[in-house]
Protein backbone atom coordinates (compact mmCIF):
# COMPACT_ATOMS: atom_id res chain seq x y z
CA MET A 1 101.54 -122.58 173.24
CA LYS A 2 101.35 -124.28 169.83
CA ARG A 3 102.51 -122.08 166.96
CA ILE A 4 99.98 -121.43 164.18
CA PHE A 5 101.13 -122.86 160.86
CA TYR A 6 102.09 -119.99 158.54
CA GLY A 7 99.98 -121.47 155.75
CA TRP A 8 96.85 -120.42 157.64
CA TYR A 9 98.05 -116.79 157.65
CA MET A 10 98.31 -117.11 153.87
CA VAL A 11 94.76 -118.49 153.78
CA ALA A 12 93.57 -115.43 155.71
CA ALA A 13 95.45 -113.03 153.40
CA GLY A 14 94.18 -114.80 150.28
CA CYS A 15 90.66 -114.75 151.70
CA GLY A 16 90.96 -110.98 152.10
CA LEU A 17 92.15 -110.53 148.51
CA GLN A 18 89.28 -112.71 147.25
CA PHE A 19 86.80 -110.71 149.32
CA LEU A 20 87.98 -107.45 147.78
CA GLN A 21 87.76 -108.69 144.18
CA SER A 22 84.42 -110.41 144.77
CA SER A 23 82.74 -107.51 146.54
CA LEU A 24 84.08 -104.69 144.38
CA LEU A 25 83.70 -106.32 140.96
CA MET A 26 82.89 -110.02 140.50
CA GLN A 27 79.58 -110.14 142.34
CA SER A 28 78.86 -106.41 141.94
CA PHE A 29 79.28 -106.37 138.17
CA GLY A 30 75.58 -107.12 137.71
CA ALA A 31 74.73 -103.95 139.62
CA TYR A 32 77.09 -101.96 137.36
CA VAL A 33 75.42 -103.55 134.29
CA ALA A 34 71.96 -102.40 135.43
CA VAL A 35 73.19 -98.85 136.13
CA LEU A 36 75.31 -98.53 132.97
CA ARG A 37 72.38 -99.61 130.80
CA ASP A 38 70.36 -96.71 132.15
CA ASP A 39 73.20 -94.16 132.14
CA ARG A 40 75.01 -95.00 128.89
CA GLY A 41 72.35 -96.95 126.97
CA TRP A 42 74.72 -99.83 126.13
CA SER A 43 73.08 -103.16 125.24
CA LYS A 44 73.21 -106.31 127.34
CA THR A 45 75.36 -107.95 124.68
CA ALA A 46 77.84 -105.06 124.71
CA LEU A 47 78.11 -105.14 128.49
CA SER A 48 78.46 -108.92 128.46
CA GLY A 49 81.36 -108.42 126.07
CA ALA A 50 83.36 -106.76 128.85
CA ALA A 51 82.94 -109.82 131.04
CA ALA A 52 83.91 -111.97 128.05
CA LEU A 53 87.06 -109.93 127.43
CA HIS A 54 87.96 -110.28 131.10
CA GLN A 55 87.74 -114.08 130.95
CA MET A 56 89.38 -114.45 127.52
CA GLU A 57 92.38 -112.48 128.70
CA ALA A 58 92.66 -114.72 131.77
CA ALA A 59 92.60 -117.81 129.55
CA ILE A 60 95.24 -116.43 127.15
CA LEU A 61 97.54 -115.51 130.04
CA GLY A 62 96.81 -118.71 131.98
CA PRO A 63 99.57 -120.97 130.58
CA VAL A 64 102.13 -118.15 130.70
CA LEU A 65 101.24 -117.29 134.29
CA GLY A 66 101.29 -120.98 135.17
CA TRP A 67 104.85 -121.33 133.85
CA ILE A 68 105.97 -118.18 135.70
CA ILE A 69 104.36 -119.33 138.96
CA ASP A 70 105.90 -122.83 138.74
CA ARG A 71 109.32 -121.34 138.07
CA PHE A 72 109.40 -118.22 140.28
CA GLY A 73 106.43 -118.48 142.64
CA PRO A 74 103.24 -116.42 142.79
CA GLN A 75 104.19 -113.78 145.35
CA GLY A 76 105.65 -111.16 142.97
CA LEU A 77 102.80 -111.49 140.47
CA ILE A 78 100.22 -111.02 143.20
CA ARG A 79 101.78 -107.78 144.42
CA VAL A 80 101.98 -106.31 140.91
CA GLY A 81 98.45 -107.46 140.20
CA VAL A 82 97.00 -105.56 143.16
CA VAL A 83 98.33 -102.27 141.79
CA VAL A 84 97.24 -102.99 138.19
CA PHE A 85 93.74 -104.07 139.26
CA GLY A 86 93.25 -100.93 141.37
CA ALA A 87 94.53 -98.72 138.55
CA GLY A 88 92.10 -100.40 136.16
CA PHE A 89 89.19 -99.51 138.42
CA MET A 90 90.32 -95.87 138.43
CA LEU A 91 90.47 -95.89 134.62
CA PHE A 92 86.99 -97.41 134.54
CA SER A 93 85.67 -94.43 136.51
CA GLN A 94 86.75 -92.08 133.70
CA VAL A 95 85.41 -93.89 130.62
CA GLU A 96 83.04 -92.19 128.18
CA THR A 97 82.79 -94.64 125.27
CA LEU A 98 82.23 -98.38 124.99
CA LEU A 99 85.76 -98.80 123.59
CA GLU A 100 87.23 -97.05 126.63
CA PHE A 101 85.07 -99.24 128.84
CA TYR A 102 86.56 -102.35 127.23
CA GLY A 103 90.08 -100.94 127.56
CA ALA A 104 89.63 -100.33 131.28
CA PHE A 105 88.30 -103.83 131.73
CA ILE A 106 91.33 -105.31 129.96
CA VAL A 107 93.57 -103.54 132.49
CA MET A 108 91.41 -104.83 135.35
CA ALA A 109 91.48 -108.31 133.84
CA ILE A 110 95.29 -108.34 133.71
CA GLY A 111 95.46 -107.22 137.33
CA SER A 112 92.87 -109.80 138.34
CA SER A 113 94.83 -112.57 136.61
CA PHE A 114 97.99 -111.58 138.47
CA CYS A 115 96.46 -111.39 141.96
CA GLY A 116 93.23 -113.36 141.76
CA PHE A 117 91.91 -116.85 142.32
CA PHE A 118 94.49 -118.70 140.19
CA PRO A 119 97.83 -117.57 141.72
CA VAL A 120 96.50 -117.55 145.29
CA ASN A 121 95.20 -121.10 144.86
CA VAL A 122 98.54 -122.29 143.51
CA ALA A 123 100.30 -120.70 146.48
CA LEU A 124 98.08 -122.58 148.95
CA ILE A 125 98.32 -125.87 147.06
CA HIS A 126 102.07 -125.80 147.74
CA TRP A 127 101.49 -125.27 151.48
CA PHE A 128 98.72 -127.83 152.07
CA GLU A 129 98.14 -131.48 151.22
CA ARG A 130 96.36 -133.27 154.06
CA TRP A 131 94.11 -130.24 154.66
CA ARG A 132 94.11 -128.95 151.08
CA ALA A 133 90.33 -128.94 150.54
CA ARG A 134 89.86 -127.30 153.93
CA ALA A 135 92.36 -124.55 153.11
CA LEU A 136 90.91 -123.87 149.66
CA SER A 137 87.38 -123.86 151.05
CA SER A 138 88.48 -121.31 153.65
CA LEU A 139 89.99 -119.22 150.87
CA SER A 140 86.68 -119.31 149.00
CA LEU A 141 84.98 -117.80 152.00
CA GLY A 142 86.35 -114.49 150.74
CA LEU A 143 84.47 -114.90 147.46
CA ALA A 144 81.30 -115.73 149.35
CA LEU A 145 81.61 -112.87 151.81
CA GLY A 146 82.00 -110.50 148.88
CA GLY A 147 78.38 -111.12 147.96
CA ILE A 148 77.23 -109.71 151.29
CA PHE A 149 78.87 -106.43 150.26
CA VAL A 150 76.84 -106.18 147.02
CA PRO A 151 74.02 -104.13 148.63
CA VAL A 152 76.64 -101.64 149.80
CA ILE A 153 77.93 -101.26 146.25
CA ALA A 154 74.34 -100.96 144.97
CA TRP A 155 73.67 -98.24 147.56
CA SER A 156 76.87 -96.41 146.59
CA LEU A 157 75.94 -96.58 142.90
CA ALA A 158 72.57 -94.99 143.69
CA ALA A 159 73.91 -92.42 146.17
CA PHE A 160 77.22 -91.36 144.57
CA GLY A 161 77.10 -92.66 141.00
CA TRP A 162 79.11 -95.38 139.29
CA ARG A 163 82.14 -93.15 138.58
CA ALA A 164 82.79 -92.21 142.21
CA THR A 165 82.11 -95.77 143.34
CA ALA A 166 84.56 -97.23 140.80
CA PHE A 167 87.34 -94.74 141.65
CA ALA A 168 86.97 -95.30 145.39
CA SER A 169 87.00 -99.07 144.80
CA GLY A 170 90.34 -98.83 142.99
CA VAL A 171 91.93 -96.79 145.77
CA ALA A 172 90.58 -99.11 148.47
CA TYR A 173 91.84 -102.20 146.66
CA ILE A 174 95.42 -100.94 146.50
CA LEU A 175 95.50 -99.63 150.09
CA VAL A 176 94.09 -102.83 151.59
CA GLY A 177 95.32 -105.36 149.05
CA LEU A 178 99.06 -104.60 149.08
CA PRO A 179 99.61 -105.45 152.78
CA LEU A 180 97.67 -108.69 152.25
CA ALA A 181 99.68 -109.56 149.14
CA TRP A 182 102.92 -109.23 151.10
CA ILE A 183 101.90 -112.16 153.32
CA ILE A 184 101.83 -114.61 150.38
CA ARG A 185 104.99 -116.72 150.08
CA ARG A 186 106.22 -119.38 147.68
CA ARG A 187 106.93 -122.88 149.03
CA PRO A 188 107.06 -123.89 152.71
CA GLU A 189 110.48 -125.48 152.17
CA ASP A 190 111.91 -122.06 151.26
CA HIS A 191 110.96 -120.70 154.70
CA GLY A 192 111.90 -123.56 157.01
CA GLU A 193 108.34 -124.95 157.03
CA THR A 194 106.82 -128.28 155.97
CA ILE A 195 103.57 -129.03 154.12
CA ASP A 196 100.59 -128.71 156.49
CA GLY A 197 103.03 -127.74 159.25
CA LEU A 198 103.51 -131.43 160.07
CA PRO A 199 106.82 -133.22 160.77
CA SER A 200 108.48 -134.26 157.53
CA LYS A 201 108.52 -137.91 158.59
CA THR A 202 106.36 -139.78 161.07
CA GLU A 203 106.25 -143.42 162.04
CA MET A 204 102.69 -143.78 160.79
CA GLY A 205 103.57 -142.23 157.46
CA LYS A 206 106.65 -144.30 156.58
CA VAL A 207 104.83 -146.86 154.45
CA ALA A 208 102.91 -144.21 152.52
CA GLU A 209 106.10 -142.20 152.11
CA GLU A 210 108.01 -145.17 150.73
CA LYS A 211 105.18 -145.81 148.28
CA ALA A 212 105.13 -142.14 147.28
CA GLU A 213 108.87 -142.29 146.57
CA GLN A 214 108.19 -144.85 143.82
CA THR A 215 105.95 -142.42 141.92
CA ARG A 216 106.16 -138.75 141.03
CA ASP A 217 103.93 -135.82 140.12
CA PHE A 218 102.61 -135.38 136.61
CA THR A 219 104.23 -132.99 134.19
CA ALA A 220 101.83 -130.71 132.32
CA ARG A 221 102.35 -132.76 129.14
CA GLU A 222 101.51 -136.00 130.97
CA ALA A 223 98.41 -134.48 132.58
CA LEU A 224 97.14 -133.43 129.15
CA ARG A 225 97.21 -137.08 128.05
CA THR A 226 94.81 -138.20 130.79
CA PRO A 227 91.01 -138.26 130.35
CA ALA A 228 90.69 -136.79 133.85
CA PHE A 229 92.30 -133.47 132.81
CA TRP A 230 89.75 -132.94 130.02
CA LEU A 231 86.73 -134.20 131.95
CA ILE A 232 87.44 -132.00 134.99
CA SER A 233 88.06 -128.99 132.76
CA LEU A 234 84.83 -129.55 130.81
CA GLY A 235 82.81 -130.04 134.01
CA HIS A 236 84.37 -126.89 135.47
CA GLY A 237 83.61 -124.95 132.30
CA PHE A 238 79.97 -126.07 132.24
CA ALA A 239 79.59 -124.99 135.88
CA LEU A 240 80.94 -121.55 135.05
CA LEU A 241 78.33 -121.15 132.31
CA VAL A 242 75.83 -120.71 135.13
CA VAL A 243 78.06 -118.93 137.66
CA HIS A 244 79.14 -116.15 135.31
CA ALA A 245 75.74 -115.73 133.68
CA VAL A 246 74.22 -115.25 137.13
CA ASN A 247 76.96 -112.81 138.19
CA VAL A 248 76.46 -110.66 135.09
CA HIS A 249 72.72 -110.92 134.40
CA ALA A 250 70.78 -112.04 137.48
CA ILE A 251 70.20 -108.53 138.83
CA THR A 252 69.09 -107.22 135.42
CA HIS A 253 66.74 -110.22 135.01
CA MET A 254 65.17 -109.57 138.41
CA LYS A 255 64.89 -105.84 137.63
CA GLU A 256 63.57 -105.96 134.06
CA GLY A 257 61.98 -109.40 133.89
CA LEU A 258 60.59 -109.85 137.39
CA GLY A 259 59.92 -106.24 138.40
CA TYR A 260 62.24 -105.91 141.39
CA SER A 261 64.41 -102.86 142.15
CA VAL A 262 68.21 -103.06 141.96
CA ALA A 263 68.37 -102.91 145.76
CA GLN A 264 65.86 -105.77 146.11
CA ALA A 265 67.71 -107.84 143.52
CA ALA A 266 70.97 -107.16 145.33
CA PHE A 267 69.35 -108.52 148.48
CA VAL A 268 68.64 -111.81 146.67
CA ILE A 269 72.30 -111.93 145.68
CA THR A 270 73.13 -111.46 149.35
CA LEU A 271 70.96 -114.47 150.20
CA MET A 272 72.82 -116.39 147.51
CA THR A 273 76.04 -115.40 149.23
CA VAL A 274 74.76 -116.71 152.54
CA GLY A 275 74.12 -120.01 150.76
CA GLN A 276 77.59 -119.85 149.24
CA MET A 277 79.09 -119.41 152.70
CA GLY A 278 77.11 -122.43 153.85
CA GLY A 279 78.54 -124.42 150.95
CA VAL A 280 82.05 -123.31 151.85
CA GLY A 281 81.43 -124.48 155.41
CA VAL A 282 80.24 -127.88 154.22
CA GLY A 283 83.32 -128.17 152.01
CA TRP A 284 85.54 -127.25 154.96
CA LEU A 285 84.04 -130.15 156.93
CA VAL A 286 83.79 -132.88 154.28
CA GLY A 287 86.21 -131.88 151.50
CA ASP A 288 89.08 -134.08 152.66
CA ARG A 289 86.82 -137.06 153.53
CA PHE A 290 84.60 -137.68 150.48
CA GLU A 291 85.29 -138.25 146.79
CA LYS A 292 85.37 -134.76 145.32
CA ARG A 293 84.18 -135.69 141.82
CA LEU A 294 80.90 -137.11 143.20
CA VAL A 295 80.30 -134.00 145.30
CA ALA A 296 80.98 -131.82 142.24
CA ALA A 297 78.52 -133.84 140.13
CA THR A 298 75.80 -133.29 142.74
CA CYS A 299 76.54 -129.57 142.82
CA MET A 300 76.03 -129.36 139.05
CA LEU A 301 72.44 -130.60 139.48
CA MET A 302 71.94 -127.95 142.16
CA HIS A 303 73.24 -125.25 139.77
CA MET A 304 70.75 -126.45 137.14
CA THR A 305 67.77 -126.48 139.49
CA GLY A 306 68.64 -123.11 141.01
CA LEU A 307 68.95 -121.35 137.66
CA LEU A 308 65.61 -122.77 136.49
CA LEU A 309 63.97 -121.42 139.65
CA LEU A 310 65.46 -117.98 138.98
CA THR A 311 64.36 -118.10 135.35
CA TYR A 312 60.72 -118.94 135.99
CA ALA A 313 60.25 -117.33 139.42
CA VAL A 314 56.72 -116.11 140.08
CA ALA A 315 57.13 -115.45 143.81
CA LEU A 316 59.82 -114.59 146.32
CA PRO A 317 60.14 -118.17 147.72
CA MET A 318 61.36 -119.34 144.31
CA LEU A 319 64.08 -116.69 144.35
CA ILE A 320 65.06 -117.71 147.88
CA ALA A 321 65.28 -121.35 146.73
CA PHE A 322 67.46 -120.25 143.79
CA ALA A 323 69.75 -118.33 146.13
CA ALA A 324 70.10 -121.32 148.45
CA LEU A 325 70.69 -124.00 145.81
CA HIS A 326 73.00 -122.02 143.53
CA GLY A 327 74.89 -120.45 146.45
CA VAL A 328 75.51 -123.74 148.27
CA ALA A 329 76.55 -125.48 145.03
CA TRP A 330 79.00 -122.69 144.16
CA GLY A 331 80.52 -122.52 147.64
CA LEU A 332 80.91 -126.29 147.90
CA ARG A 333 82.07 -127.07 144.37
CA GLY A 334 84.33 -124.08 143.69
CA PRO A 335 87.30 -124.97 145.94
CA PHE A 336 87.13 -128.61 144.86
CA MET A 337 88.02 -127.65 141.28
CA GLN A 338 91.60 -126.79 142.25
CA ALA A 339 91.88 -129.38 145.03
CA ILE A 340 90.90 -132.29 142.78
CA ARG A 341 93.49 -131.30 140.16
CA ALA A 342 96.20 -131.11 142.83
CA ASP A 343 95.08 -134.49 144.24
CA TYR A 344 95.18 -136.09 140.79
CA PHE A 345 98.29 -134.49 139.28
CA GLY A 346 100.47 -133.35 142.22
CA ARG A 347 102.21 -130.05 142.92
CA ALA A 348 105.24 -130.04 140.63
CA ALA A 349 103.54 -128.52 137.56
CA ILE A 350 100.23 -127.46 139.09
CA GLY A 351 100.59 -123.85 137.91
CA MET A 352 100.92 -124.86 134.26
CA ILE A 353 98.20 -127.52 134.60
CA LEU A 354 95.76 -124.98 136.03
CA GLY A 355 96.81 -122.44 133.41
CA LEU A 356 96.14 -124.88 130.58
CA SER A 357 92.78 -125.73 132.15
CA TYR A 358 91.80 -122.07 131.79
CA LEU A 359 91.93 -122.44 128.00
CA ILE A 360 89.00 -124.86 128.34
CA ILE A 361 86.97 -123.41 131.19
CA VAL A 362 87.01 -120.00 129.50
CA VAL A 363 84.27 -121.41 127.25
CA GLY A 364 81.99 -121.33 130.27
CA GLN A 365 83.27 -118.03 131.62
CA VAL A 366 82.71 -116.28 128.30
CA GLY A 367 79.84 -118.36 126.95
CA GLY A 368 77.53 -118.05 129.94
CA PRO A 369 77.20 -114.25 129.94
CA MET A 370 77.25 -114.04 126.14
CA ILE A 371 74.54 -116.69 125.59
CA ALA A 372 72.34 -115.02 128.20
CA GLY A 373 72.96 -111.51 126.84
CA ILE A 374 72.52 -112.33 123.15
CA THR A 375 69.32 -114.32 123.66
CA ALA A 376 67.90 -111.60 125.95
CA ASP A 377 68.53 -108.92 123.31
CA ALA A 378 66.96 -111.16 120.65
CA THR A 379 63.90 -112.32 122.59
CA GLY A 380 63.36 -109.51 125.09
CA ASP A 381 63.97 -111.59 128.23
CA TYR A 382 66.40 -114.08 129.76
CA ARG A 383 64.18 -117.18 129.79
CA ALA A 384 65.55 -118.92 126.70
CA GLY A 385 69.20 -118.22 127.51
CA PHE A 386 68.95 -119.18 131.19
CA THR A 387 67.08 -122.40 130.34
CA ILE A 388 69.79 -123.46 127.87
CA LEU A 389 72.52 -122.76 130.44
CA ALA A 390 70.68 -124.67 133.17
CA LEU A 391 70.35 -127.77 130.98
CA LEU A 392 74.04 -127.59 130.04
CA ALA A 393 74.91 -127.54 133.75
CA GLY A 394 72.92 -130.72 134.20
CA ILE A 395 74.85 -132.36 131.36
CA GLY A 396 78.08 -131.20 133.01
CA SER A 397 77.47 -133.44 136.00
CA PHE A 398 78.36 -136.46 133.84
CA PHE A 399 81.85 -135.10 133.17
CA PHE A 400 82.64 -135.20 136.90
CA LEU A 401 81.15 -138.67 137.31
CA LEU A 402 83.52 -139.97 134.62
CA ALA A 403 86.64 -138.13 135.87
CA ARG A 404 88.43 -140.91 137.77
CA ARG A 405 91.88 -140.44 139.34
CA PRO A 406 94.73 -141.37 136.95
CA SER A 407 97.66 -143.55 138.07
CA ARG A 408 100.74 -141.54 139.03
CA PRO A 409 103.82 -141.85 136.76
CA LEU A 410 106.64 -144.07 138.06
CA ARG A 411 109.99 -142.56 138.89
CA ALA A 412 112.82 -143.44 136.55
CA PRO A 413 115.82 -145.23 138.14
CA GLY A 414 118.10 -142.72 139.80
CA GLU A 415 115.48 -139.97 139.56
């Protein structure tokens, strides 16, 4: 019986960690926003600020975490992060003031940075090459599945209140997340494995291997000098303008602007998640066969169209179309963002390269929710803010179209 490559166990564990973060916070944050506005009376801008703090902290820590991961591996950080993230949720359940709310979210943000999408992706990049897009798409299934859990969180918020829901979420994350974190390992070479679980040398691969020996991976400094680094980062950031604005504000828009209940709006988010899972499945099938930058450019147009449908929806079919387009685009494009960087720049400094990218994409992570929240407070609805973000996503497609693969650096003699 053929032994299962250990990298796939790591994919399963990472998928579980992503599911927990997505279901308990990332995709459920909009439900918390709607409830906290009613319970505490905080403005949309103030609540968006928590999401902004979360992303700004991740960007500030990104280069530092990238250096640590490249030097020591991600496994220790992930285990610490699980505990910190769970503790942050428990602190969140006890807050009384907006300042305390922000403080709890900073703790959660630190935990999320340690055990979230970034370090788990770097871990898998080191274990996969031939099937990298497939592995990262499988990992993203956890993010997508988390959206299906949003109605459960919405029900818990209504039945037990946001404090009990937040405290229970923190406990559950630690109890379930720690065993999963223990499965994550550093490099396959450290454990008697090879990349993709394939023989280190094959007859068919000798020519490619000899060619590869003449070049090397990029250093972080060299990657920064390529147009591809900046174009991919800008395209990624423009995509996250839409993704994070939807995560934070879509439920409130459907509740206050379109007249749906929180439970009904959460159901639309669930449909979006189904679309996201479909996108992940498409990425699993085609990610290692087609040019990723062209697929990403197409997804940006889908993000734009989907958000416009949500913004100006006058009937349920328009919301269903939004859920399908935005969900598929997110599920398909998301894993490609890390895979394309690893394809272009190699594995040697991928942690630092991804960490430096966070300093750019944070503009989208922070800007999306803030633009939507500020314009909604100023105008009374989300139409202006969502329209601006949708058009920016359309512009972002051009960044991916222009992001061509750079030539690998040549090895120095004797290197």
